[in-house]
């Protein structure tokens, strides 16, 4: 029996739709129209004579047969991309949150570039799930609470140190001296880490009474700006506010403690032996461990 001829474009359209759960998202990734993706998937279903997707009001869900096909296709496409990357290496893509990029990576980046002028970097900012193949990610800075994708190597680096910060004027106005004074403070937080205050309390003062949170902000960089402006006291990772502490823009009335999360580095497995990757990882881990030593020395 002759196997049916299958269009590679149709396979790509189906895999992307199954992965995203959306025809529109697949179309955006593949730079084609929604209708083109839908037609390609329909053609694939007609070729196999089975239904691969369930169309829903929210998007599309793969059937059991579709799940098996999508998993196999993703492995195959990932392997193809890995082979291409090894044959013709391009720039390395460093992924991290926007706040880490703004407050930690960029202030240090010139030292890496001066020592490694041949290493070309590009950046992918997100705190959400990472698809190393789709987003062409080489190396990522992530928390230990996040699970890496398949075929990504994770290395534990150091603790994430956290603590409350506020403007000097807010500290004077509130007369904040002990943790019990936090009951009178406006406790502000980031929606990306809504448990930050609870996690800090568990590590620093578990006997403290209930903390009532006030205003939330979408990202740490907005939360930090709010603290600078005297809108309240924020609980943040020290790595994001070290420059503000050095300049006196922010103060940390209770210092910092090692929180429940650890900072990790993820690397695409097929890039681990590349010289540029090794140098980037060595630099990132060296900077993070230097911060860890400073944190422990001043704790």
Foldseek 3Di string as FASTA:
>chain_A
DDQFDADPVLLQLLLLCQVVLALCRSCVLVVHDSVVSVVSPVVVCVSVVHDQWDQDPVHIHGDPVNVVSSVVVVVVLQVVLLVVCVVPPDAAEEEEAPLCVVQFCVVCVVVLCVVCVPHHYDYDHDLDADDCRSVVHFKYKHKPVDDHDPQKDKDFFWFFKKAKKAAPVLCVVLVDQDPQSLQVWAEEEEPVCPCLVVQQCVFPPVVHDDHDHDYYHHDVVVVVVCRLVSVTMYMDTCSSCVVVCVVRSMDGNVAIDGTPITIMMMGRNSCPPPPSSVSVVVVVSVVVVVVRVVSVVVD
